[in-house]
PDB file of all heavy atoms in Angstrom:
ATOM      1  N   ASN A   1      12.566 -17.118 137.452  1.00  0.00           N
ATOM      2  CA  ASN A   1      12.901 -17.222 138.833  1.00  0.00           C
ATOM      3  C   ASN A   1      11.926 -16.352 139.634  1.00  0.00           C
ATOM      4  O   ASN A   1      11.743 -15.159 139.350  1.00  0.00           O
ATOM      5  CB  ASN A   1      14.292 -16.712 139.064  1.00  0.00           C
ATOM      6  CG  ASN A   1      14.796 -16.864 140.492  1.00  0.00           C
ATOM      7  OD1 ASN A   1      14.042 -16.668 141.421  1.00  0.00           O
ATOM      8  ND2 ASN A   1      15.991 -17.160 140.623  1.00  0.00           N
ATOM      9  N   PHE A   2      11.172 -16.939 140.592  1.00  0.00           N
ATOM     10  CA  PHE A   2      10.117 -16.302 141.254  1.00  0.00           C
ATOM     11  C   PHE A   2      10.574 -15.063 142.029  1.00  0.00           C
ATOM     12  O   PHE A   2       9.985 -14.025 142.245  1.00  0.00           O
ATOM     13  CB  PHE A   2       9.414 -17.141 142.283  1.00  0.00           C
ATOM     14  CG  PHE A   2       8.485 -18.127 141.547  1.00  0.00           C
ATOM     15  CD1 PHE A   2       8.802 -19.554 141.669  1.00  0.00           C
ATOM     16  CD2 PHE A   2       7.451 -17.747 140.812  1.00  0.00           C
ATOM     17  CE1 PHE A   2       8.025 -20.474 140.956  1.00  0.00           C
ATOM     18  CE2 PHE A   2       6.626 -18.672 140.151  1.00  0.00           C
ATOM     19  CZ  PHE A   2       6.966 -20.013 140.275  1.00  0.00           C
ATOM     20  N   LEU A   3      11.940 -15.072 142.365  1.00  0.00           N
ATOM     21  CA  LEU A   3      12.493 -13.924 143.185  1.00  0.00           C
ATOM     22  C   LEU A   3      12.846 -12.643 142.238  1.00  0.00           C
ATOM     23  O   LEU A   3      13.052 -11.561 142.574  1.00  0.00           O
ATOM     24  CB  LEU A   3      13.767 -14.311 143.858  1.00  0.00           C
ATOM     25  CG  LEU A   3      13.706 -15.403 144.859  1.00  0.00           C
ATOM     26  CD1 LEU A   3      15.094 -15.799 145.434  1.00  0.00           C
ATOM     27  CD2 LEU A   3      12.839 -14.871 146.109  1.00  0.00           C
ATOM     28  N   ARG A   4      12.829 -13.007 140.874  1.00  0.00           N
ATOM     29  CA  ARG A   4      13.187 -12.074 139.864  1.00  0.00           C
ATOM     30  C   ARG A   4      12.092 -11.661 138.895  1.00  0.00           C
ATOM     31  O   ARG A   4      12.265 -10.892 137.977  1.00  0.00           O
ATOM     32  CB  ARG A   4      14.449 -12.443 139.063  1.00  0.00           C
ATOM     33  CG  ARG A   4      15.564 -12.815 139.924  1.00  0.00           C
ATOM     34  CD  ARG A   4      16.193 -11.577 140.647  1.00  0.00           C
ATOM     35  NE  ARG A   4      17.257 -11.913 141.550  1.00  0.00           N
ATOM     36  CZ  ARG A   4      17.964 -11.055 142.244  1.00  0.00           C
ATOM     37  NH1 ARG A   4      17.550  -9.744 142.275  1.00  0.00           N
ATOM     38  NH2 ARG A   4      18.928 -11.458 142.997  1.00  0.00           N
ATOM     39  N   ARG A   5      10.955 -12.229 139.050  1.00  0.00           N
ATOM     40  CA  ARG A   5       9.897 -12.123 138.022  1.00  0.00           C
ATOM     41  C   ARG A   5       9.351 -10.618 137.935  1.00  0.00           C
ATOM     42  O   ARG A   5       8.710 -10.273 136.915  1.00  0.00           O
ATOM     43  CB  ARG A   5       8.776 -13.108 138.221  1.00  0.00           C
ATOM     44  CG  ARG A   5       7.978 -12.783 139.467  1.00  0.00           C
ATOM     45  CD  ARG A   5       6.856 -13.943 139.574  1.00  0.00           C
ATOM     46  NE  ARG A   5       6.181 -13.785 140.876  1.00  0.00           N
ATOM     47  CZ  ARG A   5       5.260 -14.615 141.246  1.00  0.00           C
ATOM     48  NH1 ARG A   5       4.796 -15.550 140.437  1.00  0.00           N
ATOM     49  NH2 ARG A   5       4.668 -14.555 142.355  1.00  0.00           N
ATOM     50  N   ASP A   6       9.559  -9.888 138.973  1.00  0.00           N
ATOM     51  CA  ASP A   6       9.051  -8.585 138.946  1.00  0.00           C
ATOM     52  C   ASP A   6      10.041  -7.491 138.410  1.00  0.00           C
ATOM     53  O   ASP A   6       9.802  -6.334 138.227  1.00  0.00           O
ATOM     54  CB  ASP A   6       8.536  -8.065 140.353  1.00  0.00           C
ATOM     55  CG  ASP A   6       7.350  -8.939 140.835  1.00  0.00           C
ATOM     56  OD1 ASP A   6       6.549  -9.215 139.971  1.00  0.00           O
ATOM     57  OD2 ASP A   6       7.228  -9.146 142.021  1.00  0.00           O
ATOM     58  N   SER A   7      11.292  -7.933 138.107  1.00  0.00           N
ATOM     59  CA  SER A   7      12.293  -7.011 137.586  1.00  0.00           C
ATOM     60  C   SER A   7      11.989  -6.842 136.133  1.00  0.00           C
ATOM     61  O   SER A   7      11.413  -7.573 135.434  1.00  0.00           O
ATOM     62  CB  SER A   7      13.707  -7.673 137.820  1.00  0.00           C
ATOM     63  OG  SER A   7      13.919  -8.716 136.944  1.00  0.00           O
ATOM     64  N   GLU A   8      12.457  -5.588 135.650  1.00  0.00           N
ATOM     65  CA  GLU A   8      12.318  -5.288 134.261  1.00  0.00           C
ATOM     66  C   GLU A   8      12.994  -6.313 133.271  1.00  0.00           C
ATOM     67  O   GLU A   8      12.485  -6.790 132.383  1.00  0.00           O
ATOM     68  CB  GLU A   8      12.831  -3.892 133.989  1.00  0.00           C
ATOM     69  CG  GLU A   8      12.782  -3.469 132.560  1.00  0.00           C
ATOM     70  CD  GLU A   8      13.399  -2.102 132.233  1.00  0.00           C
ATOM     71  OE1 GLU A   8      13.820  -1.428 133.180  1.00  0.00           O
ATOM     72  OE2 GLU A   8      13.387  -1.675 131.096  1.00  0.00           O
ATOM     73  N   ALA A   9      14.311  -6.705 133.665  1.00  0.00           N
ATOM     74  CA  ALA A   9      14.960  -7.594 132.869  1.00  0.00           C
ATOM     75  C   ALA A   9      14.276  -8.966 132.856  1.00  0.00           C
ATOM     76  O   ALA A   9      14.158  -9.665 131.877  1.00  0.00           O
ATOM     77  CB  ALA A   9      16.415  -7.789 133.418  1.00  0.00           C
ATOM     78  N   GLY A  10      13.764  -9.456 134.027  1.00  0.00           N
ATOM     79  CA  GLY A  10      13.069 -10.720 134.185  1.00  0.00           C
ATOM     80  C   GLY A  10      11.763 -10.732 133.315  1.00  0.00           C
ATOM     81  O   GLY A  10      11.525 -11.662 132.550  1.00  0.00           O
ATOM     82  N   GLN A  11      11.047  -9.585 133.315  1.00  0.00           N
ATOM     83  CA  GLN A  11       9.802  -9.582 132.568  1.00  0.00           C
ATOM     84  C   GLN A  11      10.150  -9.531 131.075  1.00  0.00           C
ATOM     85  O   GLN A  11       9.388 -10.104 130.252  1.00  0.00           O
ATOM     86  CB  GLN A  11       9.014  -8.306 132.837  1.00  0.00           C
ATOM     87  CG  GLN A  11       8.439  -8.241 134.284  1.00  0.00           C
ATOM     88  CD  GLN A  11       7.354  -9.394 134.383  1.00  0.00           C
ATOM     89  OE1 GLN A  11       6.357  -9.364 133.645  1.00  0.00           O
ATOM     90  NE2 GLN A  11       7.511 -10.257 135.308  1.00  0.00           N
ATOM     91  N   LYS A  12      11.194  -8.769 130.725  1.00  0.00           N
ATOM     92  CA  LYS A  12      11.566  -8.733 129.282  1.00  0.00           C
ATOM     93  C   LYS A  12      12.085 -10.093 128.741  1.00  0.00           C
ATOM     94  O   LYS A  12      12.002 -10.460 127.614  1.00  0.00           O
ATOM     95  CB  LYS A  12      12.554  -7.612 129.010  1.00  0.00           C
ATOM     96  CG  LYS A  12      11.836  -6.214 129.090  1.00  0.00           C
ATOM     97  CD  LYS A  12      12.758  -5.105 128.968  1.00  0.00           C
ATOM     98  CE  LYS A  12      12.016  -3.730 128.855  1.00  0.00           C
ATOM     99  NZ  LYS A  12      13.008  -2.586 128.754  1.00  0.00           N
ATOM    100  N   CYS A  13      12.788 -10.848 129.598  1.00  0.00           N
ATOM    101  CA  CYS A  13      13.176 -12.145 129.337  1.00  0.00           C
ATOM    102  C   CYS A  13      12.028 -13.013 128.992  1.00  0.00           C
ATOM    103  O   CYS A  13      12.012 -13.843 128.085  1.00  0.00           O
ATOM    104  CB  CYS A  13      14.125 -12.707 130.381  1.00  0.00           C
ATOM    105  SG  CYS A  13      15.803 -12.085 130.399  1.00  0.00           S
ATOM    106  N   CYS A  14      10.965 -12.944 129.904  1.00  0.00           N
ATOM    107  CA  CYS A  14       9.822 -13.798 129.629  1.00  0.00           C
ATOM    108  C   CYS A  14       9.051 -13.369 128.368  1.00  0.00           C
ATOM    109  O   CYS A  14       8.665 -14.275 127.673  1.00  0.00           O
ATOM    110  CB  CYS A  14       8.744 -13.532 130.761  1.00  0.00           C
ATOM    111  SG  CYS A  14       9.227 -14.329 132.294  1.00  0.00           S
ATOM    112  N   THR A  15       8.993 -12.119 128.053  1.00  0.00           N
ATOM    113  CA  THR A  15       8.480 -11.663 126.735  1.00  0.00           C
ATOM    114  C   THR A  15       9.302 -12.162 125.620  1.00  0.00           C
ATOM    115  O   THR A  15       8.792 -12.632 124.604  1.00  0.00           O
ATOM    116  CB  THR A  15       8.329 -10.116 126.737  1.00  0.00           C
ATOM    117  OG1 THR A  15       7.585  -9.639 127.813  1.00  0.00           O
ATOM    118  CG2 THR A  15       7.851  -9.641 125.412  1.00  0.00           C
ATOM    119  N   PHE A  16      10.633 -12.124 125.796  1.00  0.00           N
ATOM    120  CA  PHE A  16      11.486 -12.708 124.679  1.00  0.00           C
ATOM    121  C   PHE A  16      11.152 -14.135 124.457  1.00  0.00           C
ATOM    122  O   PHE A  16      11.048 -14.666 123.237  1.00  0.00           O
ATOM    123  CB  PHE A  16      12.955 -12.493 125.020  1.00  0.00           C
ATOM    124  CG  PHE A  16      13.915 -13.236 124.127  1.00  0.00           C
ATOM    125  CD1 PHE A  16      13.841 -12.914 122.687  1.00  0.00           C
ATOM    126  CD2 PHE A  16      14.897 -14.062 124.650  1.00  0.00           C
ATOM    127  CE1 PHE A  16      14.724 -13.575 121.899  1.00  0.00           C
ATOM    128  CE2 PHE A  16      15.770 -14.680 123.719  1.00  0.00           C
ATOM    129  CZ  PHE A  16      15.729 -14.400 122.384  1.00  0.00           C
ATOM    130  N   GLN A  17      11.034 -14.968 125.471  1.00  0.00           N
ATOM    131  CA  GLN A  17      10.678 -16.364 125.387  1.00  0.00           C
ATOM    132  C   GLN A  17       9.263 -16.515 124.593  1.00  0.00           C
ATOM    133  O   GLN A  17       9.160 -17.329 123.689  1.00  0.00           O
ATOM    134  CB  GLN A  17      10.507 -17.076 126.695  1.00  0.00           C
ATOM    135  CG  GLN A  17      11.862 -17.179 127.401  1.00  0.00           C
ATOM    136  CD  GLN A  17      11.665 -17.818 128.696  1.00  0.00           C
ATOM    137  OE1 GLN A  17      11.137 -17.448 129.641  1.00  0.00           O
ATOM    138  NE2 GLN A  17      12.329 -19.076 128.794  1.00  0.00           N
ATOM    139  N   HIS A  18       8.383 -15.691 124.975  1.00  0.00           N
ATOM    140  CA  HIS A  18       6.997 -15.682 124.397  1.00  0.00           C
ATOM    141  C   HIS A  18       7.106 -15.357 122.916  1.00  0.00           C
ATOM    142  O   HIS A  18       6.532 -15.985 122.075  1.00  0.00           O
ATOM    143  CB  HIS A  18       6.086 -14.789 125.069  1.00  0.00           C
ATOM    144  CG  HIS A  18       4.545 -14.873 124.699  1.00  0.00           C
ATOM    145  ND1 HIS A  18       3.640 -14.190 125.357  1.00  0.00           N
ATOM    146  CD2 HIS A  18       4.073 -15.549 123.707  1.00  0.00           C
ATOM    147  CE1 HIS A  18       2.554 -14.488 124.702  1.00  0.00           C
ATOM    148  NE2 HIS A  18       2.710 -15.254 123.723  1.00  0.00           N
ATOM    149  N   TRP A  19       7.911 -14.299 122.567  1.00  0.00           N
ATOM    150  CA  TRP A  19       8.056 -13.842 121.201  1.00  0.00           C
ATOM    151  C   TRP A  19       8.631 -14.931 120.339  1.00  0.00           C
ATOM    152  O   TRP A  19       8.145 -15.179 119.257  1.00  0.00           O
ATOM    153  CB  TRP A  19       8.984 -12.621 121.283  1.00  0.00           C
ATOM    154  CG  TRP A  19       9.166 -11.944 119.839  1.00  0.00           C
ATOM    155  CD1 TRP A  19       8.344 -11.079 119.291  1.00  0.00           C
ATOM    156  CD2 TRP A  19      10.236 -12.288 118.929  1.00  0.00           C
ATOM    157  NE1 TRP A  19       8.896 -10.710 117.981  1.00  0.00           N
ATOM    158  CE2 TRP A  19      10.059 -11.445 117.843  1.00  0.00           C
ATOM    159  CE3 TRP A  19      11.351 -13.102 119.028  1.00  0.00           C
ATOM    160  CZ2 TRP A  19      10.923 -11.510 116.734  1.00  0.00           C
ATOM    161  CZ3 TRP A  19      12.259 -13.179 117.972  1.00  0.00           C
ATOM    162  CH2 TRP A  19      11.955 -12.389 116.822  1.00  0.00           C
ATOM    163  N   VAL A  20       9.725 -15.552 120.815  1.00  0.00           N
ATOM    164  CA  VAL A  20      10.397 -16.691 120.044  1.00  0.00           C
ATOM    165  C   VAL A  20       9.407 -17.794 119.839  1.00  0.00           C
ATOM    166  O   VAL A  20       9.243 -18.397 118.714  1.00  0.00           O
ATOM    167  CB  VAL A  20      11.687 -17.177 120.716  1.00  0.00           C
ATOM    168  CG1 VAL A  20      12.118 -18.442 120.107  1.00  0.00           C
ATOM    169  CG2 VAL A  20      12.754 -16.078 120.694  1.00  0.00           C
ATOM    170  N   TYR A  21       8.662 -18.167 120.951  1.00  0.00           N
ATOM    171  CA  TYR A  21       7.680 -19.208 120.869  1.00  0.00           C
ATOM    172  C   TYR A  21       6.720 -19.031 119.765  1.00  0.00           C
ATOM    173  O   TYR A  21       6.342 -19.797 118.975  1.00  0.00           O
ATOM    174  CB  TYR A  21       7.035 -19.473 122.243  1.00  0.00           C
ATOM    175  CG  TYR A  21       5.946 -20.458 122.189  1.00  0.00           C
ATOM    176  CD1 TYR A  21       6.202 -21.800 122.447  1.00  0.00           C
ATOM    177  CD2 TYR A  21       4.661 -20.028 122.077  1.00  0.00           C
ATOM    178  CE1 TYR A  21       5.174 -22.748 122.428  1.00  0.00           C
ATOM    179  CE2 TYR A  21       3.693 -20.997 122.016  1.00  0.00           C
ATOM    180  CZ  TYR A  21       3.907 -22.335 122.265  1.00  0.00           C
ATOM    181  OH  TYR A  21       2.818 -23.213 122.169  1.00  0.00           O
ATOM    182  N   GLU A  22       6.188 -17.738 119.783  1.00  0.00           N
ATOM    183  CA  GLU A  22       5.127 -17.388 118.813  1.00  0.00           C
ATOM    184  C   GLU A  22       5.685 -17.274 117.317  1.00  0.00           C
ATOM    185  O   GLU A  22       5.083 -17.797 116.302  1.00  0.00           O
ATOM    186  CB  GLU A  22       4.449 -16.042 119.182  1.00  0.00           C
ATOM    187  CG  GLU A  22       3.244 -15.672 118.269  1.00  0.00           C
ATOM    188  CD  GLU A  22       2.537 -14.544 118.877  1.00  0.00           C
ATOM    189  OE1 GLU A  22       2.004 -14.600 120.046  1.00  0.00           O
ATOM    190  OE2 GLU A  22       2.335 -13.561 118.074  1.00  0.00           O
ATOM    191  N   LYS A  23       6.819 -16.782 117.251  1.00  0.00           N
ATOM    192  CA  LYS A  23       7.490 -16.538 115.888  1.00  0.00           C
ATOM    193  C   LYS A  23       7.781 -17.907 115.240  1.00  0.00           C
ATOM    194  O   LYS A  23       7.861 -17.999 114.041  1.00  0.00           O
ATOM    195  CB  LYS A  23       8.716 -15.646 115.946  1.00  0.00           C
ATOM    196  CG  LYS A  23       8.370 -14.209 116.276  1.00  0.00           C
ATOM    197  CD  LYS A  23       7.489 -13.497 115.168  1.00  0.00           C
ATOM    198  CE  LYS A  23       7.200 -12.032 115.577  1.00  0.00           C
ATOM    199  NZ  LYS A  23       6.394 -11.445 114.606  1.00  0.00           N
ATOM    200  N   THR A  24       8.101 -18.917 116.060  1.00  0.00           N
ATOM    201  CA  THR A  24       8.447 -20.210 115.547  1.00  0.00           C
ATOM    202  C   THR A  24       7.281 -21.164 115.549  1.00  0.00           C
ATOM    203  O   THR A  24       7.485 -22.402 115.479  1.00  0.00           O
ATOM    204  CB  THR A  24       9.634 -20.812 116.320  1.00  0.00           C
ATOM    205  OG1 THR A  24       9.329 -20.943 117.677  1.00  0.00           O
ATOM    206  CG2 THR A  24      10.881 -19.914 116.206  1.00  0.00           C
ATOM    207  N   ASN A  25       6.051 -20.624 115.798  1.00  0.00           N
ATOM    208  CA  ASN A  25       4.833 -21.481 115.808  1.00  0.00           C
ATOM    209  C   ASN A  25       4.891 -22.604 116.934  1.00  0.00           C
ATOM    210  O   ASN A  25       4.530 -23.687 116.653  1.00  0.00           O
ATOM    211  CB  ASN A  25       4.578 -22.065 114.440  1.00  0.00           C
ATOM    212  CG  ASN A  25       4.300 -21.103 113.400  1.00  0.00           C
ATOM    213  OD1 ASN A  25       3.477 -20.184 113.622  1.00  0.00           O
ATOM    214  ND2 ASN A  25       4.998 -21.156 112.323  1.00  0.00           N
ATOM    215  N   GLY A  26       5.547 -22.238 118.086  1.00  0.00           N
ATOM    216  CA  GLY A  26       5.667 -23.180 119.147  1.00  0.00           C
ATOM    217  C   GLY A  26       6.659 -24.272 118.981  1.00  0.00           C
ATOM    218  O   GLY A  26       6.695 -25.214 119.766  1.00  0.00           O
ATOM    219  N   ASN A  27       7.608 -24.119 118.027  1.00  0.00           N
ATOM    220  CA  ASN A  27       8.619 -25.164 117.758  1.00  0.00           C
ATOM    221  C   ASN A  27       9.942 -24.917 118.471  1.00  0.00           C
ATOM    222  O   ASN A  27      10.793 -25.746 118.559  1.00  0.00           O
ATOM    223  CB  ASN A  27       8.904 -25.146 116.243  1.00  0.00           C
ATOM    224  CG  ASN A  27       7.766 -25.845 115.489  1.00  0.00           C
ATOM    225  OD1 ASN A  27       7.529 -27.018 115.587  1.00  0.00           O
ATOM    226  ND2 ASN A  27       6.993 -25.005 114.769  1.00  0.00           N
ATOM    227  N   LEU A  28      10.130 -23.706 118.996  1.00  0.00           N
ATOM    228  CA  LEU A  28      11.383 -23.419 119.579  1.00  0.00           C
ATOM    229  C   LEU A  28      11.199 -22.442 120.798  1.00  0.00           C
ATOM    230  O   LEU A  28      10.369 -21.670 120.805  1.00  0.00           O
ATOM    231  CB  LEU A  28      12.324 -22.754 118.586  1.00  0.00           C
ATOM    232  CG  LEU A  28      13.809 -22.455 118.951  1.00  0.00           C
ATOM    233  CD1 LEU A  28      14.716 -22.626 117.643  1.00  0.00           C
ATOM    234  CD2 LEU A  28      14.050 -21.084 119.559  1.00  0.00           C
ATOM    235  N   LEU A  29      12.085 -22.667 121.825  1.00  0.00           N
ATOM    236  CA  LEU A  29      12.083 -21.821 123.054  1.00  0.00           C
ATOM    237  C   LEU A  29      13.397 -21.563 123.537  1.00  0.00           C
ATOM    238  O   LEU A  29      14.201 -22.514 123.673  1.00  0.00           O
ATOM    239  CB  LEU A  29      11.310 -22.552 124.132  1.00  0.00           C
ATOM    240  CG  LEU A  29      11.116 -21.909 125.444  1.00  0.00           C
ATOM    241  CD1 LEU A  29      10.191 -20.595 125.384  1.00  0.00           C
ATOM    242  CD2 LEU A  29      10.668 -22.670 126.616  1.00  0.00           C
ATOM    243  N   VAL A  30      13.850 -20.335 123.775  1.00  0.00           N
ATOM    244  CA  VAL A  30      15.009 -20.024 124.348  1.00  0.00           C
ATOM    245  C   VAL A  30      14.833 -20.077 125.838  1.00  0.00           C
ATOM    246  O   VAL A  30      13.917 -19.410 126.351  1.00  0.00           O
ATOM    247  CB  VAL A  30      15.573 -18.651 123.866  1.00  0.00           C
ATOM    248  CG1 VAL A  30      16.875 -18.288 124.559  1.00  0.00           C
ATOM    249  CG2 VAL A  30      15.703 -18.519 122.339  1.00  0.00           C
ATOM    250  N   THR A  31      15.679 -20.811 126.647  1.00  0.00           N
ATOM    251  CA  THR A  31      15.509 -20.894 127.993  1.00  0.00           C
ATOM    252  C   THR A  31      16.824 -20.743 128.729  1.00  0.00           C
ATOM    253  O   THR A  31      17.848 -20.409 128.139  1.00  0.00           O
ATOM    254  CB  THR A  31      14.879 -22.252 128.339  1.00  0.00           C
ATOM    255  OG1 THR A  31      14.508 -22.371 129.682  1.00  0.00           O
ATOM    256  CG2 THR A  31      15.782 -23.452 127.844  1.00  0.00           C
ATOM    257  N   ASP A  32      16.843 -20.956 129.981  1.00  0.00           N
ATOM    258  CA  ASP A  32      18.022 -20.799 130.889  1.00  0.00           C
ATOM    259  C   ASP A  32      18.605 -19.390 130.756  1.00  0.00           C
ATOM    260  O   ASP A  32      19.727 -19.218 130.575  1.00  0.00           O
ATOM    261  CB  ASP A  32      19.017 -21.850 130.505  1.00  0.00           C
ATOM    262  CG  ASP A  32      19.988 -22.090 131.690  1.00  0.00           C
ATOM    263  OD1 ASP A  32      19.636 -21.798 132.787  1.00  0.00           O
ATOM    264  OD2 ASP A  32      21.065 -22.734 131.498  1.00  0.00           O
ATOM    265  N   LEU A  33      17.800 -18.377 130.665  1.00  0.00           N
ATOM    266  CA  LEU A  33      18.167 -16.966 130.499  1.00  0.00           C
ATOM    267  C   LEU A  33      18.779 -16.492 131.841  1.00  0.00           C
ATOM    268  O   LEU A  33      18.202 -16.593 132.882  1.00  0.00           O
ATOM    269  CB  LEU A  33      16.968 -16.124 130.096  1.00  0.00           C
ATOM    270  CG  LEU A  33      16.298 -16.469 128.798  1.00  0.00           C
ATOM    271  CD1 LEU A  33      15.101 -15.738 128.570  1.00  0.00           C
ATOM    272  CD2 LEU A  33      17.200 -16.327 127.622  1.00  0.00           C
ATOM    273  N   GLN A  34      20.070 -15.965 131.689  1.00  0.00           N
ATOM    274  CA  GLN A  34      20.768 -15.569 132.900  1.00  0.00           C
ATOM    275  C   GLN A  34      21.832 -14.583 132.505  1.00  0.00           C
ATOM    276  O   GLN A  34      22.339 -14.633 131.330  1.00  0.00           O
ATOM    277  CB  GLN A  34      21.458 -16.823 133.574  1.00  0.00           C
ATOM    278  CG  GLN A  34      22.319 -17.662 132.641  1.00  0.00           C
ATOM    279  CD  GLN A  34      22.689 -18.933 133.214  1.00  0.00           C
ATOM    280  OE1 GLN A  34      23.018 -19.042 134.438  1.00  0.00           O
ATOM    281  NE2 GLN A  34      22.630 -19.967 132.395  1.00  0.00           N
ATOM    282  N   GLY A  35      22.242 -13.701 133.395  1.00  0.00           N
ATOM    283  CA  GLY A  35      23.327 -12.799 133.123  1.00  0.00           C
ATOM    284  C   GLY A  35      23.369 -11.626 134.063  1.00  0.00           C
ATOM    285  O   GLY A  35      22.868 -11.800 135.203  1.00  0.00           O
ATOM    286  N   VAL A  36      23.857 -10.601 133.591  1.00  0.00           N
ATOM    287  CA  VAL A  36      23.921  -9.341 134.348  1.00  0.00           C
ATOM    288  C   VAL A  36      23.195  -8.245 133.790  1.00  0.00           C
ATOM    289  O   VAL A  36      23.547  -7.793 132.630  1.00  0.00           O
ATOM    290  CB  VAL A  36      25.519  -8.874 134.646  1.00  0.00           C
ATOM    291  CG1 VAL A  36      25.613  -7.538 135.350  1.00  0.00           C
ATOM    292  CG2 VAL A  36      26.193 -10.031 135.302  1.00  0.00           C
ATOM    293  N   GLY A  37      22.125  -7.729 134.476  1.00  0.00           N
ATOM    294  CA  GLY A  37      21.254  -6.750 133.795  1.00  0.00           C
ATOM    295  C   GLY A  37      20.702  -7.240 132.568  1.00  0.00           C
ATOM    296  O   GLY A  37      20.115  -8.302 132.516  1.00  0.00           O
ATOM    297  N   MET A  38      20.758  -6.571 131.488  1.00  0.00           N
ATOM    298  CA  MET A  38      20.253  -6.956 130.171  1.00  0.00           C
ATOM    299  C   MET A  38      21.160  -7.768 129.345  1.00  0.00           C
ATOM    300  O   MET A  38      20.765  -8.148 128.137  1.00  0.00           O
ATOM    301  CB  MET A  38      19.705  -5.790 129.488  1.00  0.00           C
ATOM    302  CG  MET A  38      18.651  -4.943 130.054  1.00  0.00           C
ATOM    303  SD  MET A  38      17.021  -5.850 129.913  1.00  0.00           S
ATOM    304  CE  MET A  38      15.937  -4.641 130.749  1.00  0.00           C
ATOM    305  N   LYS A  39      22.360  -7.993 129.860  1.00  0.00           N
ATOM    306  CA  LYS A  39      23.301  -8.907 129.072  1.00  0.00           C
ATOM    307  C   LYS A  39      23.225 -10.286 129.574  1.00  0.00           C
ATOM    308  O   LYS A  39      23.527 -10.624 130.707  1.00  0.00           O
ATOM    309  CB  LYS A  39      24.704  -8.333 129.200  1.00  0.00           C
ATOM    310  CG  LYS A  39      24.897  -6.959 128.495  1.00  0.00           C
ATOM    311  CD  LYS A  39      26.358  -6.663 128.308  1.00  0.00           C
ATOM    312  CE  LYS A  39      26.618  -5.562 127.271  1.00  0.00           C
ATOM    313  NZ  LYS A  39      28.041  -5.352 126.972  1.00  0.00           N
ATOM    314  N   LEU A  40      22.877 -11.206 128.585  1.00  0.00           N
ATOM    315  CA  LEU A  40      22.657 -12.595 128.953  1.00  0.00           C
ATOM    316  C   LEU A  40      23.721 -13.491 128.289  1.00  0.00           C
ATOM    317  O   LEU A  40      24.301 -13.176 127.236  1.00  0.00           O
ATOM    318  CB  LEU A  40      21.262 -13.004 128.348  1.00  0.00           C
ATOM    319  CG  LEU A  40      20.101 -12.142 128.771  1.00  0.00           C
ATOM    320  CD1 LEU A  40      18.819 -12.615 128.134  1.00  0.00           C
ATOM    321  CD2 LEU A  40      19.886 -12.083 130.260  1.00  0.00           C
ATOM    322  N   THR A  41      23.935 -14.654 128.949  1.00  0.00           N
ATOM    323  CA  THR A  41      24.889 -15.660 128.475  1.00  0.00           C
ATOM    324  C   THR A  41      24.498 -17.081 128.911  1.00  0.00           C
ATOM    325  O   THR A  41      23.580 -17.271 129.749  1.00  0.00           O
ATOM    326  CB  THR A  41      26.345 -15.357 128.927  1.00  0.00           C
ATOM    327  OG1 THR A  41      27.222 -16.257 128.346  1.00  0.00           O
ATOM    328  CG2 THR A  41      26.431 -15.451 130.543  1.00  0.00           C
ATOM    329  N   ASP A  42      25.226 -17.961 128.256  1.00  0.00           N
ATOM    330  CA  ASP A  42      25.042 -19.431 128.665  1.00  0.00           C
ATOM    331  C   ASP A  42      23.519 -19.878 128.605  1.00  0.00           C
ATOM    332  O   ASP A  42      23.089 -20.519 129.506  1.00  0.00           O
ATOM    333  CB  ASP A  42      25.604 -19.668 130.079  1.00  0.00           C
ATOM    334  CG  ASP A  42      25.978 -21.163 130.298  1.00  0.00           C
ATOM    335  OD1 ASP A  42      26.114 -21.882 129.335  1.00  0.00           O
ATOM    336  OD2 ASP A  42      26.071 -21.562 131.514  1.00  0.00           O
ATOM    337  N   VAL A  43      22.835 -19.474 127.559  1.00  0.00           N
ATOM    338  CA  VAL A  43      21.343 -19.768 127.398  1.00  0.00           C
ATOM    339  C   VAL A  43      21.244 -21.107 126.906  1.00  0.00           C
ATOM    340  O   VAL A  43      22.191 -21.798 126.312  1.00  0.00           O
ATOM    341  CB  VAL A  43      20.595 -18.793 126.500  1.00  0.00           C
ATOM    342  CG1 VAL A  43      20.833 -17.335 127.086  1.00  0.00           C
ATOM    343  CG2 VAL A  43      21.267 -18.767 125.037  1.00  0.00           C
ATOM    344  N   GLY A  44      20.035 -21.690 126.926  1.00  0.00           N
ATOM    345  CA  GLY A  44      19.709 -23.038 126.280  1.00  0.00           C
ATOM    346  C   GLY A  44      18.587 -22.831 125.224  1.00  0.00           C
ATOM    347  O   GLY A  44      17.955 -21.772 125.187  1.00  0.00           O
TER     348      GLY A  44
END
């Protein structure tokens, strides 16, 4: 979300997506990251 991309949680969520993408050789992506602070739920 462009409104949240500068937050620490937002940046770490992007890094998590990148980490999963790299570790699975581009076969899997965790998306729809949302929640309160660093606690996330209802992901895709």
